[in-house]
């Protein structure tokens, strides 16, 4: 997942940029357009890739925690002793 999610989010950012060019959903500020580099949308791709990666990691983590809560074994098995409630020594003055 550590390798799959960044690649997936990079390709999703490319798709999102192309769809934004066609539909004009969000106006890209001129500060994010790199003039001297080969790709003018490099900063937008980096920012969008990081944002999508964080979102996908969060979604997959929530799915993992939910499935673990449903399918995990119980905390204590039939051969475990019940938990001991220890309160400590009484306080003396």
PDB file of N, CA and C in Angstrom:
ATOM      1  N   UNK A   1       0.822  -1.195   0.000  1.00  0.00           N
ATOM      2  CA  UNK A   1       0.000   0.000   0.000  1.00  0.00           C
ATOM      3  C   UNK A   1       0.866   1.260   0.000  1.00  0.00           C
ATOM      4  N   UNK A   2       2.045   1.157   0.612  1.00  0.00           N
ATOM      5  CA  UNK A   2       2.919   2.328   0.676  1.00  0.00           C
ATOM      6  C   UNK A   2       3.434   2.712  -0.705  1.00  0.00           C
ATOM      7  N   UNK A   3       3.498   1.770  -1.627  1.00  0.00           N
ATOM      8  CA  UNK A   3       3.935   2.079  -2.981  1.00  0.00           C
ATOM      9  C   UNK A   3       2.759   2.294  -3.921  1.00  0.00           C
ATOM     10  N   UNK A   4       1.669   1.609  -3.668  1.00  0.00           N
ATOM     11  CA  UNK A   4       0.517   1.675  -4.555  1.00  0.00           C
ATOM     12  C   UNK A   4      -0.221   3.013  -4.442  1.00  0.00           C
ATOM     13  N   UNK A   5      -0.412   3.497  -3.239  1.00  0.00           N
ATOM     14  CA  UNK A   5      -1.204   4.715  -3.041  1.00  0.00           C
ATOM     15  C   UNK A   5      -0.542   5.948  -3.659  1.00  0.00           C
ATOM     16  N   UNK A   6       0.779   6.182  -3.507  1.00  0.00           N
ATOM     17  CA  UNK A   6       1.358   7.354  -4.187  1.00  0.00           C
ATOM     18  C   UNK A   6       1.261   7.292  -5.715  1.00  0.00           C
ATOM     19  N   UNK A   7       1.472   6.109  -6.294  1.00  0.00           N
ATOM     20  CA  UNK A   7       1.324   6.002  -7.746  1.00  0.00           C
ATOM     21  C   UNK A   7      -0.119   6.223  -8.174  1.00  0.00           C
ATOM     22  N   UNK A   8      -1.030   5.645  -7.442  1.00  0.00           N
ATOM     23  CA  UNK A   8      -2.445   5.826  -7.746  1.00  0.00           C
ATOM     24  C   UNK A   8      -2.856   7.292  -7.606  1.00  0.00           C
ATOM     25  N   UNK A   9      -2.380   7.946  -6.572  1.00  0.00           N
ATOM     26  CA  UNK A   9      -2.747   9.347  -6.375  1.00  0.00           C
ATOM     27  C   UNK A   9      -2.095  10.254  -7.416  1.00  0.00           C
ATOM     28  N   UNK A  10      -0.896   9.892  -7.917  1.00  0.00           N
ATOM     29  CA  UNK A  10      -0.286  10.681  -8.992  1.00  0.00           C
ATOM     30  C   UNK A  10      -1.136  10.600 -10.261  1.00  0.00           C
ATOM     31  N   UNK A  11      -1.563   9.395 -10.611  1.00  0.00           N
ATOM     32  CA  UNK A  11      -2.378   9.260 -11.816  1.00  0.00           C
ATOM     33  C   UNK A  11      -3.767   9.881 -11.626  1.00  0.00           C
ATOM     34  N   UNK A  12      -4.297   9.839 -10.424  1.00  0.00           N
ATOM     35  CA  UNK A  12      -5.566  10.527 -10.163  1.00  0.00           C
ATOM     36  C   UNK A  12      -5.403  12.038 -10.255  1.00  0.00           C
ATOM     37  N   UNK A  13      -4.245  12.552  -9.841  1.00  0.00           N
ATOM     38  CA  UNK A  13      -4.012  13.995  -9.966  1.00  0.00           C
ATOM     39  C   UNK A  13      -3.879  14.398 -11.434  1.00  0.00           C
ATOM     40  N   UNK A  14      -3.262  13.550 -12.264  1.00  0.00           N
ATOM     41  CA  UNK A  14      -3.198  13.846 -13.699  1.00  0.00           C
ATOM     42  C   UNK A  14      -4.595  13.888 -14.315  1.00  0.00           C
ATOM     43  N   UNK A  15      -5.437  12.940 -13.920  1.00  0.00           N
ATOM     44  CA  UNK A  15      -6.810  12.915 -14.424  1.00  0.00           C
ATOM     45  C   UNK A  15      -7.572  14.140 -13.941  1.00  0.00           C
ATOM     46  N   UNK A  16      -7.375  14.516 -12.679  1.00  0.00           N
ATOM     47  CA  UNK A  16      -8.081  15.681 -12.133  1.00  0.00           C
ATOM     48  C   UNK A  16      -7.651  16.966 -12.826  1.00  0.00           C
ATOM     49  N   UNK A  17      -6.376  17.095 -13.152  1.00  0.00           N
ATOM     50  CA  UNK A  17      -5.899  18.300 -13.839  1.00  0.00           C
ATOM     51  C   UNK A  17      -6.473  18.368 -15.251  1.00  0.00           C
ATOM     52  N   UNK A  18      -6.510  17.234 -15.937  1.00  0.00           N
ATOM     53  CA  UNK A  18      -7.095  17.225 -17.289  1.00  0.00           C
ATOM     54  C   UNK A  18      -8.593  17.554 -17.249  1.00  0.00           C
ATOM     55  N   UNK A  19      -9.304  17.014 -16.268  1.00  0.00           N
ATOM     56  CA  UNK A  19     -10.728  17.317 -16.155  1.00  0.00           C
ATOM     57  C   UNK A  19     -10.958  18.779 -15.751  1.00  0.00           C
ATOM     58  N   UNK A  20     -10.041  19.323 -14.966  1.00  0.00           N
ATOM     59  CA  UNK A  20     -10.151  20.728 -14.587  1.00  0.00           C
ATOM     60  C   UNK A  20      -9.920  21.626 -15.807  1.00  0.00           C
ATOM     61  N   UNK A  21      -9.007  21.238 -16.679  1.00  0.00           N
ATOM     62  CA  UNK A  21      -8.789  22.025 -17.903  1.00  0.00           C
ATOM     63  C   UNK A  21     -10.044  22.003 -18.789  1.00  0.00           C
ATOM     64  N   UNK A  22     -10.707  20.858 -18.853  1.00  0.00           N
ATOM     65  CA  UNK A  22     -11.888  20.741 -19.715  1.00  0.00           C
ATOM     66  C   UNK A  22     -13.111  21.426 -19.113  1.00  0.00           C
ATOM     67  N   UNK A  23     -13.306  21.306 -17.794  1.00  0.00           N
ATOM     68  CA  UNK A  23     -14.545  21.787 -17.171  1.00  0.00           C
ATOM     69  C   UNK A  23     -14.392  23.081 -16.383  1.00  0.00           C
ATOM     70  N   UNK A  24     -13.175  23.508 -16.124  1.00  0.00           N
ATOM     71  CA  UNK A  24     -12.893  24.749 -15.372  1.00  0.00           C
ATOM     72  C   UNK A  24     -13.584  24.762 -14.012  1.00  0.00           C
ATOM     73  N   UNK A  25     -13.332  23.702 -13.214  1.00  0.00           N
ATOM     74  CA  UNK A  25     -13.904  23.620 -11.873  1.00  0.00           C
ATOM     75  C   UNK A  25     -13.254  24.617 -10.933  1.00  0.00           C
ATOM     76  N   UNK A  26     -11.926  24.581 -10.883  1.00  0.00           N
ATOM     77  CA  UNK A  26     -11.170  25.432  -9.954  1.00  0.00           C
ATOM     78  C   UNK A  26     -10.143  26.212 -10.764  1.00  0.00           C
ATOM     79  N   UNK A  27     -10.041  27.504 -10.476  1.00  0.00           N
ATOM     80  CA  UNK A  27      -9.038  28.327 -11.140  1.00  0.00           C
ATOM     81  C   UNK A  27      -7.706  28.123 -10.432  1.00  0.00           C
ATOM     82  N   UNK A  28      -6.673  27.769 -11.189  1.00  0.00           N
ATOM     83  CA  UNK A  28      -5.347  27.549 -10.616  1.00  0.00           C
ATOM     84  C   UNK A  28      -4.650  28.896 -10.503  1.00  0.00           C
ATOM     85  N   UNK A  29      -4.200  29.256  -9.303  1.00  0.00           N
ATOM     86  CA  UNK A  29      -3.534  30.547  -9.131  1.00  0.00           C
ATOM     87  C   UNK A  29      -2.237  30.615  -9.944  1.00  0.00           C
ATOM     88  N   UNK A  30      -1.874  31.794 -10.411  1.00  0.00           N
ATOM     89  CA  UNK A  30      -0.650  31.918 -11.213  1.00  0.00           C
ATOM     90  C   UNK A  30       0.624  31.600 -10.417  1.00  0.00           C
ATOM     91  N   UNK A  31       0.561  31.662  -9.091  1.00  0.00           N
ATOM     92  CA  UNK A  31       1.734  31.346  -8.281  1.00  0.00           C
ATOM     93  C   UNK A  31       2.078  29.861  -8.350  1.00  0.00           C
ATOM     94  N   UNK A  32       1.099  29.018  -8.672  1.00  0.00           N
ATOM     95  CA  UNK A  32       1.328  27.571  -8.746  1.00  0.00           C
ATOM     96  C   UNK A  32       1.797  27.119 -10.124  1.00  0.00           C
ATOM     97  N   UNK A  33       1.864  28.023 -11.082  1.00  0.00           N
ATOM     98  CA  UNK A  33       2.306  27.663 -12.422  1.00  0.00           C
ATOM     99  C   UNK A  33       3.789  27.971 -12.529  1.00  0.00           C
ATOM    100  N   UNK A  34       4.582  26.933 -12.821  1.00  0.00           N
ATOM    101  CA  UNK A  34       6.043  27.072 -12.906  1.00  0.00           C
ATOM    102  C   UNK A  34       6.406  27.513 -14.322  1.00  0.00           C
ATOM    103  N   UNK A  35       7.008  28.668 -14.439  1.00  0.00           N
ATOM    104  CA  UNK A  35       7.328  29.217 -15.758  1.00  0.00           C
ATOM    105  C   UNK A  35       8.648  28.660 -16.306  1.00  0.00           C
ATOM    106  N   UNK A  36       9.665  28.503 -15.461  1.00  0.00           N
ATOM    107  CA  UNK A  36      10.990  28.121 -15.946  1.00  0.00           C
ATOM    108  C   UNK A  36      11.173  26.630 -16.150  1.00  0.00           C
ATOM    109  N   UNK A  37      10.290  25.835 -15.617  1.00  0.00           N
ATOM    110  CA  UNK A  37      10.436  24.383 -15.722  1.00  0.00           C
ATOM    111  C   UNK A  37       9.747  23.866 -16.974  1.00  0.00           C
ATOM    112  N   UNK A  38      10.000  22.594 -17.304  1.00  0.00           N
ATOM    113  CA  UNK A  38       9.404  22.001 -18.498  1.00  0.00           C
ATOM    114  C   UNK A  38       7.906  21.824 -18.371  1.00  0.00           C
ATOM    115  N   UNK A  39       7.442  21.459 -17.183  1.00  0.00           N
ATOM    116  CA  UNK A  39       6.015  21.228 -16.962  1.00  0.00           C
ATOM    117  C   UNK A  39       5.448  22.390 -16.151  1.00  0.00           C
ATOM    118  N   UNK A  40       4.546  23.179 -16.713  1.00  0.00           N
ATOM    119  CA  UNK A  40       4.031  24.323 -15.954  1.00  0.00           C
ATOM    120  C   UNK A  40       3.137  23.930 -14.779  1.00  0.00           C
ATOM    121  N   UNK A  41       2.576  22.740 -14.804  1.00  0.00           N
ATOM    122  CA  UNK A  41       1.686  22.311 -13.728  1.00  0.00           C
ATOM    123  C   UNK A  41       2.386  21.395 -12.724  1.00  0.00           C
ATOM    124  N   UNK A  42       3.704  21.490 -12.621  1.00  0.00           N
ATOM    125  CA  UNK A  42       4.457  20.608 -11.729  1.00  0.00           C
ATOM    126  C   UNK A  42       4.068  20.816 -10.267  1.00  0.00           C
ATOM    127  N   UNK A  43       3.969  22.051  -9.826  1.00  0.00           N
ATOM    128  CA  UNK A  43       3.612  22.327  -8.433  1.00  0.00           C
ATOM    129  C   UNK A  43       2.190  21.868  -8.123  1.00  0.00           C
ATOM    130  N   UNK A  44       1.299  22.026  -9.080  1.00  0.00           N
ATOM    131  CA  UNK A  44      -0.089  21.589  -8.886  1.00  0.00           C
ATOM    132  C   UNK A  44      -0.137  20.067  -8.775  1.00  0.00           C
ATOM    133  N   UNK A  45       0.641  19.381  -9.605  1.00  0.00           N
ATOM    134  CA  UNK A  45       0.674  17.915  -9.558  1.00  0.00           C
ATOM    135  C   UNK A  45       1.225  17.422  -8.232  1.00  0.00           C
ATOM    136  N   UNK A  46       2.283  18.061  -7.736  1.00  0.00           N
ATOM    137  CA  UNK A  46       2.874  17.662  -6.457  1.00  0.00           C
ATOM    138  C   UNK A  46       1.880  17.875  -5.323  1.00  0.00           C
ATOM    139  N   UNK A  47       1.278  19.046  -5.275  1.00  0.00           N
ATOM    140  CA  UNK A  47       0.323  19.363  -4.209  1.00  0.00           C
ATOM    141  C   UNK A  47      -0.894  18.450  -4.262  1.00  0.00           C
ATOM    142  N   UNK A  48      -1.408  18.209  -5.441  1.00  0.00           N
ATOM    143  CA  UNK A  48      -2.590  17.357  -5.585  1.00  0.00           C
ATOM    144  C   UNK A  48      -2.266  15.898  -5.273  1.00  0.00           C
ATOM    145  N   UNK A  49      -1.061  15.447  -5.638  1.00  0.00           N
ATOM    146  CA  UNK A  49      -0.650  14.081  -5.323  1.00  0.00           C
ATOM    147  C   UNK A  49      -0.547  13.880  -3.817  1.00  0.00           C
ATOM    148  N   UNK A  50       0.028  14.839  -3.111  1.00  0.00           N
ATOM    149  CA  UNK A  50       0.138  14.729  -1.654  1.00  0.00           C
ATOM    150  C   UNK A  50      -1.246  14.747  -1.013  1.00  0.00           C
ATOM    151  N   UNK A  51      -2.115  15.616  -1.474  1.00  0.00           N
ATOM    152  CA  UNK A  51      -3.462  15.712  -0.917  1.00  0.00           C
ATOM    153  C   UNK A  51      -4.254  14.426  -1.146  1.00  0.00           C
ATOM    154  N   UNK A  52      -4.198  13.891  -2.348  1.00  0.00           N
ATOM    155  CA  UNK A  52      -4.926  12.651  -2.642  1.00  0.00           C
ATOM    156  C   UNK A  52      -4.326  11.482  -1.872  1.00  0.00           C
ATOM    157  N   UNK A  53      -2.986  11.477  -1.699  1.00  0.00           N
ATOM    158  CA  UNK A  53      -2.350  10.400  -0.924  1.00  0.00           C
ATOM    159  C   UNK A  53      -2.826  10.400   0.519  1.00  0.00           C
ATOM    160  N   UNK A  54      -2.895  11.561   1.120  1.00  0.00           N
ATOM    161  CA  UNK A  54      -3.360  11.651   2.509  1.00  0.00           C
ATOM    162  C   UNK A  54      -4.804  11.177   2.624  1.00  0.00           C
ATOM    163  N   UNK A  55      -5.630  11.572   1.669  1.00  0.00           N
ATOM    164  CA  UNK A  55      -7.031  11.159   1.699  1.00  0.00           C
ATOM    165  C   UNK A  55      -7.158   9.647   1.519  1.00  0.00           C
ATOM    166  N   UNK A  56      -6.406   9.074   0.574  1.00  0.00           N
ATOM    167  CA  UNK A  56      -6.485   7.625   0.348  1.00  0.00           C
ATOM    168  C   UNK A  56      -5.934   6.837   1.531  1.00  0.00           C
ATOM    169  N   UNK A  57      -4.829   7.303   2.129  1.00  0.00           N
ATOM    170  CA  UNK A  57      -4.317   6.629   3.322  1.00  0.00           C
ATOM    171  C   UNK A  57      -5.346   6.658   4.445  1.00  0.00           C
ATOM    172  N   UNK A  58      -6.031   7.785   4.612  1.00  0.00           N
ATOM    173  CA  UNK A  58      -7.070   7.877   5.635  1.00  0.00           C
ATOM    174  C   UNK A  58      -8.242   6.949   5.371  1.00  0.00           C
ATOM    175  N   UNK A  59      -8.671   6.887   4.127  1.00  0.00           N
ATOM    176  CA  UNK A  59      -9.799   6.015   3.783  1.00  0.00           C
ATOM    177  C   UNK A  59      -9.436   4.555   4.003  1.00  0.00           C
ATOM    178  N   UNK A  60      -8.250   4.148   3.538  1.00  0.00           N
ATOM    179  CA  UNK A  60      -7.841   2.757   3.717  1.00  0.00           C
ATOM    180  C   UNK A  60      -7.600   2.427   5.180  1.00  0.00           C
ATOM    181  N   UNK A  61      -7.133   3.387   5.962  1.00  0.00           N
ATOM    182  CA  UNK A  61      -6.965   3.146   7.403  1.00  0.00           C
ATOM    183  C   UNK A  61      -8.308   2.949   8.089  1.00  0.00           C
ATOM    184  N   UNK A  62      -9.286   3.762   7.745  1.00  0.00           N
ATOM    185  CA  UNK A  62     -10.625   3.609   8.334  1.00  0.00           C
ATOM    186  C   UNK A  62     -11.238   2.270   7.959  1.00  0.00           C
ATOM    187  N   UNK A  63     -11.068   1.864   6.712  1.00  0.00           N
ATOM    188  CA  UNK A  63     -11.594   0.562   6.293  1.00  0.00           C
ATOM    189  C   UNK A  63     -10.900  -0.556   7.062  1.00  0.00           C
ATOM    190  N   UNK A  64      -9.574  -0.449   7.227  1.00  0.00           N
ATOM    191  CA  UNK A  64      -8.826  -1.457   7.963  1.00  0.00           C
ATOM    192  C   UNK A  64      -9.272  -1.533   9.414  1.00  0.00           C
ATOM    193  N   UNK A  65      -9.421  -0.385  10.076  1.00  0.00           N
ATOM    194  CA  UNK A  65      -9.849  -0.380  11.477  1.00  0.00           C
ATOM    195  C   UNK A  65     -11.257  -0.936  11.628  1.00  0.00           C
ATOM    196  N   UNK A  66     -12.137  -0.611  10.680  1.00  0.00           N
ATOM    197  CA  UNK A  66     -13.503  -1.112  10.741  1.00  0.00           C
ATOM    198  C   UNK A  66     -13.534  -2.632  10.578  1.00  0.00           C
ATOM    199  N   UNK A  67     -12.793  -3.139   9.599  1.00  0.00           N
ATOM    200  CA  UNK A  67     -12.761  -4.590   9.385  1.00  0.00           C
ATOM    201  C   UNK A  67     -12.088  -5.313  10.542  1.00  0.00           C
ATOM    202  N   UNK A  68     -11.052  -4.715  11.112  1.00  0.00           N
ATOM    203  CA  UNK A  68     -10.392  -5.341  12.250  1.00  0.00           C
ATOM    204  C   UNK A  68     -11.342  -5.390  13.451  1.00  0.00           C
ATOM    205  N   UNK A  69     -12.134  -4.359  13.642  1.00  0.00           N
ATOM    206  CA  UNK A  69     -13.094  -4.362  14.737  1.00  0.00           C
ATOM    207  C   UNK A  69     -14.173  -5.419  14.558  1.00  0.00           C
ATOM    208  N   UNK A  70     -14.545  -5.680  13.311  1.00  0.00           N
ATOM    209  CA  UNK A  70     -15.578  -6.683  13.057  1.00  0.00           C
ATOM    210  C   UNK A  70     -15.034  -8.113  13.094  1.00  0.00           C
ATOM    211  N   UNK A  71     -13.849  -8.325  12.549  1.00  0.00           N
ATOM    212  CA  UNK A  71     -13.364  -9.680  12.326  1.00  0.00           C
ATOM    213  C   UNK A  71     -12.258 -10.121  13.272  1.00  0.00           C
ATOM    214  N   UNK A  72     -11.800  -9.245  14.142  1.00  0.00           N
ATOM    215  CA  UNK A  72     -10.699  -9.590  15.042  1.00  0.00           C
ATOM    216  C   UNK A  72     -11.167 -10.570  16.118  1.00  0.00           C
ATOM    217  N   UNK A  73     -10.246 -11.362  16.641  1.00  0.00           N
ATOM    218  CA  UNK A  73     -10.636 -12.272  17.728  1.00  0.00           C
ATOM    219  C   UNK A  73     -10.971 -11.478  18.987  1.00  0.00           C
ATOM    220  N   UNK A  74     -11.700 -12.074  19.914  1.00  0.00           N
ATOM    221  CA  UNK A  74     -12.014 -11.349  21.146  1.00  0.00           C
ATOM    222  C   UNK A  74     -10.739 -11.042  21.935  1.00  0.00           C
ATOM    223  N   UNK A  75     -10.844 -10.062  22.781  1.00  0.00           N
ATOM    224  CA  UNK A  75      -9.667  -9.634  23.535  1.00  0.00           C
ATOM    225  C   UNK A  75      -9.175 -10.723  24.480  1.00  0.00           C
ATOM    226  N   UNK A  76     -10.072 -11.382  25.148  1.00  0.00           N
ATOM    227  CA  UNK A  76      -9.723 -12.456  26.064  1.00  0.00           C
ATOM    228  C   UNK A  76     -10.343 -13.757  25.563  1.00  0.00           C
ATOM    229  N   UNK A  77      -9.530 -14.794  25.536  1.00  0.00           N
ATOM    230  CA  UNK A  77     -10.003 -16.095  25.100  1.00  0.00           C
ATOM    231  C   UNK A  77     -10.604 -16.872  26.257  1.00  0.00           C
ATOM    232  N   UNK A  78     -11.060 -18.101  26.005  1.00  0.00           N
ATOM    233  CA  UNK A  78     -11.681 -18.890  27.073  1.00  0.00           C
ATOM    234  C   UNK A  78     -10.674 -19.353  28.132  1.00  0.00           C
ATOM    235  N   UNK A  79      -9.391 -19.357  27.813  1.00  0.00           N
ATOM    236  CA  UNK A  79      -8.385 -19.822  28.765  1.00  0.00           C
ATOM    237  C   UNK A  79      -7.669 -18.680  29.486  1.00  0.00           C
ATOM    238  N   UNK A  80      -8.047 -17.457  29.215  1.00  0.00           N
ATOM    239  CA  UNK A  80      -7.427 -16.316  29.878  1.00  0.00           C
ATOM    240  C   UNK A  80      -8.066 -16.062  31.236  1.00  0.00           C
ATOM    241  N   UNK A  81      -7.250 -15.641  32.168  1.00  0.00           N
ATOM    242  CA  UNK A  81      -7.773 -15.253  33.479  1.00  0.00           C
ATOM    243  C   UNK A  81      -8.429 -13.887  33.346  1.00  0.00           C
ATOM    244  N   UNK A  82      -9.447 -13.611  34.147  1.00  0.00           N
ATOM    245  CA  UNK A  82     -10.068 -12.289  34.065  1.00  0.00           C
ATOM    246  C   UNK A  82      -9.069 -11.225  34.514  1.00  0.00           C
ATOM    247  N   UNK A  83      -9.195 -10.016  34.003  1.00  0.00           N
ATOM    248  CA  UNK A  83      -8.250  -8.962  34.372  1.00  0.00           C
ATOM    249  C   UNK A  83      -8.347  -8.633  35.868  1.00  0.00           C
ATOM    250  N   UNK A  84      -7.199  -8.374  36.472  1.00  0.00           N
ATOM    251  CA  UNK A  84      -7.124  -8.074  37.893  1.00  0.00           C
ATOM    252  C   UNK A  84      -7.270  -6.569  38.077  1.00  0.00           C
ATOM    253  N   UNK A  85      -8.126  -6.197  38.977  1.00  0.00           N
ATOM    254  CA  UNK A  85      -8.285  -4.772  39.287  1.00  0.00           C
ATOM    255  C   UNK A  85      -7.408  -4.451  40.491  1.00  0.00           C
ATOM    256  N   UNK A  86      -6.318  -3.777  40.235  1.00  0.00           N
ATOM    257  CA  UNK A  86      -5.373  -3.433  41.287  1.00  0.00           C
ATOM    258  C   UNK A  86      -5.509  -1.963  41.589  1.00  0.00           C
ATOM    259  N   UNK A  87      -5.750  -1.654  42.845  1.00  0.00           N
ATOM    260  CA  UNK A  87      -5.929  -0.272  43.248  1.00  0.00           C
ATOM    261  C   UNK A  87      -4.709   0.284  43.961  1.00  0.00           C
ATOM    262  N   UNK A  88      -3.764  -0.546  44.313  1.00  0.00           N
ATOM    263  CA  UNK A  88      -2.554  -0.065  44.980  1.00  0.00           C
ATOM    264  C   UNK A  88      -2.721  -0.051  46.492  1.00  0.00           C
ATOM    265  N   UNK A  89      -1.646   0.318  47.156  1.00  0.00           N
ATOM    266  CA  UNK A  89      -1.684   0.387  48.618  1.00  0.00           C
ATOM    267  C   UNK A  89      -2.488   1.587  49.057  1.00  0.00           C
ATOM    268  N   UNK A  90      -3.136   1.481  50.206  1.00  0.00           N
ATOM    269  CA  UNK A  90      -3.830   2.669  50.731  1.00  0.00           C
ATOM    270  C   UNK A  90      -2.797   3.710  51.145  1.00  0.00           C
ATOM    271  N   UNK A  91      -3.159   4.940  50.987  1.00  0.00           N
ATOM    272  CA  UNK A  91      -2.258   6.054  51.289  1.00  0.00           C
ATOM    273  C   UNK A  91      -2.172   6.248  52.805  1.00  0.00           C
ATOM    274  N   UNK A  92      -0.943   6.268  53.356  1.00  0.00           N
ATOM    275  CA  UNK A  92      -0.751   6.502  54.788  1.00  0.00           C
ATOM    276  C   UNK A  92      -0.077   7.836  54.987  1.00  0.00           C
ATOM    277  N   UNK A  93      -0.451   8.512  56.073  1.00  0.00           N
ATOM    278  CA  UNK A  93       0.199   9.780  56.409  1.00  0.00           C
ATOM    279  C   UNK A  93       1.133   9.622  57.540  1.00  0.00           C
TER     280      UNK A  93
END
